[in-house]
Amino acid sequence: ITEMLTGFDLVKWQIRTAAGIPLNFT
């Protein structure tokens, strides 16, 4: 429901941050 409200995919960003990729939004 957070994904639906904000438009951000939490699972993908969880994977990206674990791979050392920085957030590209604030």
PDB file of all heavy atoms in Angstrom:
ATOM      1  N   ILE A   1       0.820  -1.203   0.000  1.00  0.00           N
ATOM      2  CA  ILE A   1       0.000   0.000   0.000  1.00  0.00           C
ATOM      3  C   ILE A   1       0.862   1.265   0.000  1.00  0.00           C
ATOM      4  O   ILE A   1       0.463   2.295  -0.540  1.00  0.00           O
ATOM      5  CB  ILE A   1      -1.031   0.016   1.150  1.00  0.00           C
ATOM      6  CG1 ILE A   1      -0.383  -0.224   2.518  1.00  0.00           C
ATOM      7  CG2 ILE A   1      -2.140  -0.979   0.883  1.00  0.00           C
ATOM      8  CD1 ILE A   1      -1.347  -0.050   3.688  1.00  0.00           C
ATOM      9  N   THR A   2       2.053   1.181   0.588  1.00  0.00           N
ATOM     10  CA  THR A   2       2.981   2.310   0.511  1.00  0.00           C
ATOM     11  C   THR A   2       3.454   2.488  -0.928  1.00  0.00           C
ATOM     12  O   THR A   2       3.585   3.623  -1.411  1.00  0.00           O
ATOM     13  CB  THR A   2       4.170   2.087   1.450  1.00  0.00           C
ATOM     14  OG1 THR A   2       3.709   2.103   2.797  1.00  0.00           O
ATOM     15  CG2 THR A   2       5.233   3.162   1.272  1.00  0.00           C
ATOM     16  N   GLU A   3       3.694   1.387  -1.619  1.00  0.00           N
ATOM     17  CA  GLU A   3       4.079   1.461  -3.032  1.00  0.00           C
ATOM     18  C   GLU A   3       2.974   2.106  -3.859  1.00  0.00           C
ATOM     19  O   GLU A   3       3.240   2.921  -4.748  1.00  0.00           O
ATOM     20  CB  GLU A   3       4.383   0.064  -3.556  1.00  0.00           C
ATOM     21  CG  GLU A   3       5.625  -0.557  -2.942  1.00  0.00           C
ATOM     22  CD  GLU A   3       5.897  -1.970  -3.431  1.00  0.00           C
ATOM     23  OE1 GLU A   3       4.924  -2.683  -3.772  1.00  0.00           O
ATOM     24  OE2 GLU A   3       7.077  -2.360  -3.470  1.00  0.00           O
ATOM     25  N   MET A   4       1.723   1.748  -3.566  1.00  0.00           N
ATOM     26  CA  MET A   4       0.608   2.304  -4.318  1.00  0.00           C
ATOM     27  C   MET A   4       0.437   3.794  -4.035  1.00  0.00           C
ATOM     28  O   MET A   4       0.087   4.579  -4.921  1.00  0.00           O
ATOM     29  CB  MET A   4      -0.681   1.547  -3.991  1.00  0.00           C
ATOM     30  CG  MET A   4      -0.636   0.083  -4.379  1.00  0.00           C
ATOM     31  SD  MET A   4      -2.133  -0.833  -3.937  1.00  0.00           S
ATOM     32  CE  MET A   4      -3.194  -0.457  -5.342  1.00  0.00           C
ATOM     33  N   LEU A   5       0.680   4.207  -2.797  1.00  0.00           N
ATOM     34  CA  LEU A   5       0.513   5.605  -2.416  1.00  0.00           C
ATOM     35  C   LEU A   5       1.610   6.489  -2.979  1.00  0.00           C
ATOM     36  O   LEU A   5       1.347   7.610  -3.430  1.00  0.00           O
ATOM     37  CB  LEU A   5       0.481   5.728  -0.887  1.00  0.00           C
ATOM     38  CG  LEU A   5       0.162   7.120  -0.340  1.00  0.00           C
ATOM     39  CD1 LEU A   5      -1.330   7.413  -0.485  1.00  0.00           C
ATOM     40  CD2 LEU A   5       0.579   7.236   1.120  1.00  0.00           C
ATOM     41  N   THR A   6       2.855   5.999  -2.964  1.00  0.00           N
ATOM     42  CA  THR A   6       4.005   6.841  -3.335  1.00  0.00           C
ATOM     43  C   THR A   6       4.531   6.595  -4.739  1.00  0.00           C
ATOM     44  O   THR A   6       5.222   7.453  -5.303  1.00  0.00           O
ATOM     45  CB  THR A   6       5.166   6.620  -2.350  1.00  0.00           C
ATOM     46  OG1 THR A   6       5.633   5.258  -2.466  1.00  0.00           O
ATOM     47  CG2 THR A   6       4.735   6.892  -0.912  1.00  0.00           C
ATOM     48  N   GLY A   7       4.267   5.410  -5.297  1.00  0.00           N
ATOM     49  CA  GLY A   7       4.783   5.090  -6.621  1.00  0.00           C
ATOM     50  C   GLY A   7       6.191   4.530  -6.623  1.00  0.00           C
ATOM     51  O   GLY A   7       6.764   4.287  -7.693  1.00  0.00           O
ATOM     52  N   PHE A   8       6.768   4.274  -5.449  1.00  0.00           N
ATOM     53  CA  PHE A   8       8.119   3.712  -5.365  1.00  0.00           C
ATOM     54  C   PHE A   8       8.056   2.229  -5.050  1.00  0.00           C
ATOM     55  O   PHE A   8       7.318   1.813  -4.146  1.00  0.00           O
ATOM     56  CB  PHE A   8       8.944   4.436  -4.295  1.00  0.00           C
ATOM     57  CG  PHE A   8       9.319   5.839  -4.672  1.00  0.00           C
ATOM     58  CD1 PHE A   8       8.532   6.913  -4.288  1.00  0.00           C
ATOM     59  CD2 PHE A   8      10.458   6.089  -5.423  1.00  0.00           C
ATOM     60  CE1 PHE A   8       8.864   8.213  -4.636  1.00  0.00           C
ATOM     61  CE2 PHE A   8      10.810   7.383  -5.779  1.00  0.00           C
ATOM     62  CZ  PHE A   8      10.003   8.452  -5.389  1.00  0.00           C
ATOM     63  N   ASP A   9       8.825   1.424  -5.784  1.00  0.00           N
ATOM     64  CA  ASP A   9       8.866  -0.022  -5.592  1.00  0.00           C
ATOM     65  C   ASP A   9       9.865  -0.342  -4.480  1.00  0.00           C
ATOM     66  O   ASP A   9      11.076  -0.269  -4.668  1.00  0.00           O
ATOM     67  CB  ASP A   9       9.275  -0.705  -6.898  1.00  0.00           C
ATOM     68  CG  ASP A   9       9.115  -2.215  -6.857  1.00  0.00           C
ATOM     69  OD1 ASP A   9       9.552  -2.836  -5.863  1.00  0.00           O
ATOM     70  OD2 ASP A   9       8.547  -2.778  -7.815  1.00  0.00           O
ATOM     71  N   LEU A  10       9.349  -0.724  -3.309  1.00  0.00           N
ATOM     72  CA  LEU A  10      10.211  -0.964  -2.154  1.00  0.00           C
ATOM     73  C   LEU A  10      11.087  -2.191  -2.325  1.00  0.00           C
ATOM     74  O   LEU A  10      12.233  -2.224  -1.856  1.00  0.00           O
ATOM     75  CB  LEU A  10       9.364  -1.095  -0.889  1.00  0.00           C
ATOM     76  CG  LEU A  10       8.781   0.212  -0.355  1.00  0.00           C
ATOM     77  CD1 LEU A  10       7.766  -0.068   0.740  1.00  0.00           C
ATOM     78  CD2 LEU A  10       9.890   1.114   0.169  1.00  0.00           C
ATOM     79  N   VAL A  11      10.578  -3.226  -2.980  1.00  0.00           N
ATOM     80  CA  VAL A  11      11.374  -4.446  -3.162  1.00  0.00           C
ATOM     81  C   VAL A  11      12.567  -4.173  -4.072  1.00  0.00           C
ATOM     82  O   VAL A  11      13.703  -4.578  -3.780  1.00  0.00           O
ATOM     83  CB  VAL A  11      10.506  -5.592  -3.709  1.00  0.00           C
ATOM     84  CG1 VAL A  11      11.369  -6.822  -3.987  1.00  0.00           C
ATOM     85  CG2 VAL A  11       9.396  -5.940  -2.730  1.00  0.00           C
ATOM     86  N   LYS A  12      12.336  -3.472  -5.163  1.00  0.00           N
ATOM     87  CA  LYS A  12      13.444  -3.150  -6.066  1.00  0.00           C
ATOM     88  C   LYS A  12      14.478  -2.271  -5.371  1.00  0.00           C
ATOM     89  O   LYS A  12      15.693  -2.477  -5.511  1.00  0.00           O
ATOM     90  CB  LYS A  12      12.912  -2.449  -7.313  1.00  0.00           C
ATOM     91  CG  LYS A  12      12.126  -3.355  -8.251  1.00  0.00           C
ATOM     92  CD  LYS A  12      11.643  -2.586  -9.472  1.00  0.00           C
ATOM     93  CE  LYS A  12      10.818  -3.477 -10.392  1.00  0.00           C
ATOM     94  NZ  LYS A  12      10.280  -2.730 -11.554  1.00  0.00           N
ATOM     95  N   TRP A  13      14.007  -1.294  -4.584  1.00  0.00           N
ATOM     96  CA  TRP A  13      14.964  -0.421  -3.916  1.00  0.00           C
ATOM     97  C   TRP A  13      15.669  -1.125  -2.769  1.00  0.00           C
ATOM     98  O   TRP A  13      16.830  -0.817  -2.458  1.00  0.00           O
ATOM     99  CB  TRP A  13      14.286   0.860  -3.450  1.00  0.00           C
ATOM    100  CG  TRP A  13      14.268   1.881  -4.545  1.00  0.00           C
ATOM    101  CD1 TRP A  13      13.200   2.310  -5.274  1.00  0.00           C
ATOM    102  CD2 TRP A  13      15.415   2.540  -5.075  1.00  0.00           C
ATOM    103  NE1 TRP A  13      13.603   3.214  -6.223  1.00  0.00           N
ATOM    104  CE2 TRP A  13      14.960   3.382  -6.120  1.00  0.00           C
ATOM    105  CE3 TRP A  13      16.771   2.531  -4.778  1.00  0.00           C
ATOM    106  CZ2 TRP A  13      15.827   4.188  -6.870  1.00  0.00           C
ATOM    107  CZ3 TRP A  13      17.638   3.322  -5.517  1.00  0.00           C
ATOM    108  CH2 TRP A  13      17.165   4.143  -6.550  1.00  0.00           C
ATOM    109  N   GLN A  14      15.027  -2.117  -2.180  1.00  0.00           N
ATOM    110  CA  GLN A  14      15.717  -2.917  -1.169  1.00  0.00           C
ATOM    111  C   GLN A  14      16.868  -3.679  -1.814  1.00  0.00           C
ATOM    112  O   GLN A  14      17.976  -3.755  -1.250  1.00  0.00           O
ATOM    113  CB  GLN A  14      14.733  -3.888  -0.520  1.00  0.00           C
ATOM    114  CG  GLN A  14      15.335  -4.704   0.616  1.00  0.00           C
ATOM    115  CD  GLN A  14      14.364  -5.713   1.183  1.00  0.00           C
ATOM    116  OE1 GLN A  14      13.445  -6.169   0.501  1.00  0.00           O
ATOM    117  NE2 GLN A  14      14.551  -6.071   2.443  1.00  0.00           N
ATOM    118  N   ILE A  15      16.632  -4.221  -2.982  1.00  0.00           N
ATOM    119  CA  ILE A  15      17.673  -4.949  -3.711  1.00  0.00           C
ATOM    120  C   ILE A  15      18.782  -3.991  -4.157  1.00  0.00           C
ATOM    121  O   ILE A  15      19.984  -4.291  -4.015  1.00  0.00           O
ATOM    122  CB  ILE A  15      17.070  -5.689  -4.910  1.00  0.00           C
ATOM    123  CG1 ILE A  15      16.132  -6.807  -4.421  1.00  0.00           C
ATOM    124  CG2 ILE A  15      18.161  -6.271  -5.809  1.00  0.00           C
ATOM    125  CD1 ILE A  15      15.298  -7.447  -5.510  1.00  0.00           C
ATOM    126  N   ARG A  16      18.394  -2.842  -4.668  1.00  0.00           N
ATOM    127  CA  ARG A  16      19.389  -1.877  -5.148  1.00  0.00           C
ATOM    128  C   ARG A  16      20.290  -1.380  -4.017  1.00  0.00           C
ATOM    129  O   ARG A  16      21.518  -1.309  -4.175  1.00  0.00           O
ATOM    130  CB  ARG A  16      18.691  -0.690  -5.806  1.00  0.00           C
ATOM    131  CG  ARG A  16      18.029  -1.022  -7.132  1.00  0.00           C
ATOM    132  CD  ARG A  16      17.366   0.214  -7.721  1.00  0.00           C
ATOM    133  NE  ARG A  16      16.625  -0.118  -8.929  1.00  0.00           N
ATOM    134  CZ  ARG A  16      15.348   0.198  -9.143  1.00  0.00           C
ATOM    135  NH1 ARG A  16      14.671   0.855  -8.205  1.00  0.00           N
ATOM    136  NH2 ARG A  16      14.756  -0.137 -10.278  1.00  0.00           N
ATOM    137  N   THR A  17      19.706  -1.027  -2.878  1.00  0.00           N
ATOM    138  CA  THR A  17      20.539  -0.528  -1.777  1.00  0.00           C
ATOM    139  C   THR A  17      21.471  -1.609  -1.261  1.00  0.00           C
ATOM    140  O   THR A  17      22.599  -1.320  -0.851  1.00  0.00           O
ATOM    141  CB  THR A  17      19.674   0.019  -0.627  1.00  0.00           C
ATOM    142  OG1 THR A  17      18.731  -0.978  -0.206  1.00  0.00           O
ATOM    143  CG2 THR A  17      18.920   1.268  -1.061  1.00  0.00           C
ATOM    144  N   ALA A  18      21.021  -2.884  -1.276  1.00  0.00           N
ATOM    145  CA  ALA A  18      21.893  -3.986  -0.867  1.00  0.00           C
ATOM    146  C   ALA A  18      23.057  -4.158  -1.841  1.00  0.00           C
ATOM    147  O   ALA A  18      24.139  -4.624  -1.454  1.00  0.00           O
ATOM    148  CB  ALA A  18      21.092  -5.279  -0.777  1.00  0.00           C
ATOM    149  N   ALA A  19      22.842  -3.775  -3.104  1.00  0.00           N
ATOM    150  CA  ALA A  19      23.896  -3.862  -4.115  1.00  0.00           C
ATOM    151  C   ALA A  19      24.803  -2.631  -4.113  1.00  0.00           C
ATOM    152  O   ALA A  19      25.719  -2.539  -4.938  1.00  0.00           O
ATOM    153  CB  ALA A  19      23.265  -4.041  -5.495  1.00  0.00           C
ATOM    154  N   GLY A  20      24.541  -1.691  -3.202  1.00  0.00           N
ATOM    155  CA  GLY A  20      25.390  -0.505  -3.100  1.00  0.00           C
ATOM    156  C   GLY A  20      24.997   0.625  -4.023  1.00  0.00           C
ATOM    157  O   GLY A  20      25.793   1.543  -4.266  1.00  0.00           O
ATOM    158  N   ILE A  21      23.776   0.597  -4.538  1.00  0.00           N
ATOM    159  CA  ILE A  21      23.300   1.654  -5.434  1.00  0.00           C
ATOM    160  C   ILE A  21      22.648   2.757  -4.597  1.00  0.00           C
ATOM    161  O   ILE A  21      21.782   2.474  -3.770  1.00  0.00           O
ATOM    162  CB  ILE A  21      22.301   1.085  -6.454  1.00  0.00           C
ATOM    163  CG1 ILE A  21      23.004   0.046  -7.343  1.00  0.00           C
ATOM    164  CG2 ILE A  21      21.666   2.190  -7.298  1.00  0.00           C
ATOM    165  CD1 ILE A  21      22.074  -0.696  -8.276  1.00  0.00           C
ATOM    166  N   PRO A  22      23.035   4.007  -4.809  1.00  0.00           N
ATOM    167  CA  PRO A  22      22.451   5.092  -4.009  1.00  0.00           C
ATOM    168  C   PRO A  22      21.028   5.429  -4.444  1.00  0.00           C
ATOM    169  O   PRO A  22      20.637   5.191  -5.592  1.00  0.00           O
ATOM    170  CB  PRO A  22      23.394   6.270  -4.274  1.00  0.00           C
ATOM    171  CG  PRO A  22      23.975   5.990  -5.628  1.00  0.00           C
ATOM    172  CD  PRO A  22      24.099   4.494  -5.719  1.00  0.00           C
ATOM    173  N   LEU A  23      20.256   5.976  -3.515  1.00  0.00           N
ATOM    174  CA  LEU A  23      18.928   6.466  -3.855  1.00  0.00           C
ATOM    175  C   LEU A  23      19.051   7.604  -4.858  1.00  0.00           C
ATOM    176  O   LEU A  23      19.930   8.461  -4.723  1.00  0.00           O
ATOM    177  CB  LEU A  23      18.209   6.978  -2.598  1.00  0.00           C
ATOM    178  CG  LEU A  23      17.978   5.991  -1.447  1.00  0.00           C
ATOM    179  CD1 LEU A  23      17.226   6.690  -0.310  1.00  0.00           C
ATOM    180  CD2 LEU A  23      17.206   4.770  -1.918  1.00  0.00           C
ATOM    181  N   ASN A  24      18.167   7.626  -5.849  1.00  0.00           N
ATOM    182  CA  ASN A  24      18.208   8.705  -6.843  1.00  0.00           C
ATOM    183  C   ASN A  24      17.058   9.691  -6.653  1.00  0.00           C
ATOM    184  O   ASN A  24      16.653  10.381  -7.585  1.00  0.00           O
ATOM    185  CB  ASN A  24      18.205   8.141  -8.262  1.00  0.00           C
ATOM    186  CG  ASN A  24      16.937   7.350  -8.583  1.00  0.00           C
ATOM    187  OD1 ASN A  24      16.025   7.264  -7.761  1.00  0.00           O
ATOM    188  ND2 ASN A  24      16.879   6.789  -9.781  1.00  0.00           N
ATOM    189  N   PHE A  25      16.524   9.750  -5.434  1.00  0.00           N
ATOM    190  CA  PHE A  25      15.471  10.695  -5.104  1.00  0.00           C
ATOM    191  C   PHE A  25      15.631  11.109  -3.640  1.00  0.00           C
ATOM    192  O   PHE A  25      16.331  10.454  -2.867  1.00  0.00           O
ATOM    193  CB  PHE A  25      14.089  10.091  -5.350  1.00  0.00           C
ATOM    194  CG  PHE A  25      13.825   8.808  -4.600  1.00  0.00           C
ATOM    195  CD1 PHE A  25      13.176   8.815  -3.373  1.00  0.00           C
ATOM    196  CD2 PHE A  25      14.233   7.576  -5.121  1.00  0.00           C
ATOM    197  CE1 PHE A  25      12.928   7.641  -2.684  1.00  0.00           C
ATOM    198  CE2 PHE A  25      13.992   6.397  -4.429  1.00  0.00           C
ATOM    199  CZ  PHE A  25      13.339   6.422  -3.209  1.00  0.00           C
ATOM    200  N   THR A  26      14.981  12.186  -3.256  1.00  0.00           N
ATOM    201  CA  THR A  26      15.063  12.715  -1.894  1.00  0.00           C
ATOM    202  C   THR A  26      13.671  12.791  -1.281  1.00  0.00           C
ATOM    203  O   THR A  26      12.672  12.489  -1.946  1.00  0.00           O
ATOM    204  CB  THR A  26      15.695  14.120  -1.893  1.00  0.00           C
ATOM    205  OG1 THR A  26      14.805  15.029  -2.566  1.00  0.00           O
ATOM    206  CG2 THR A  26      17.052  14.118  -2.591  1.00  0.00           C
TER     207      THR A  26
END
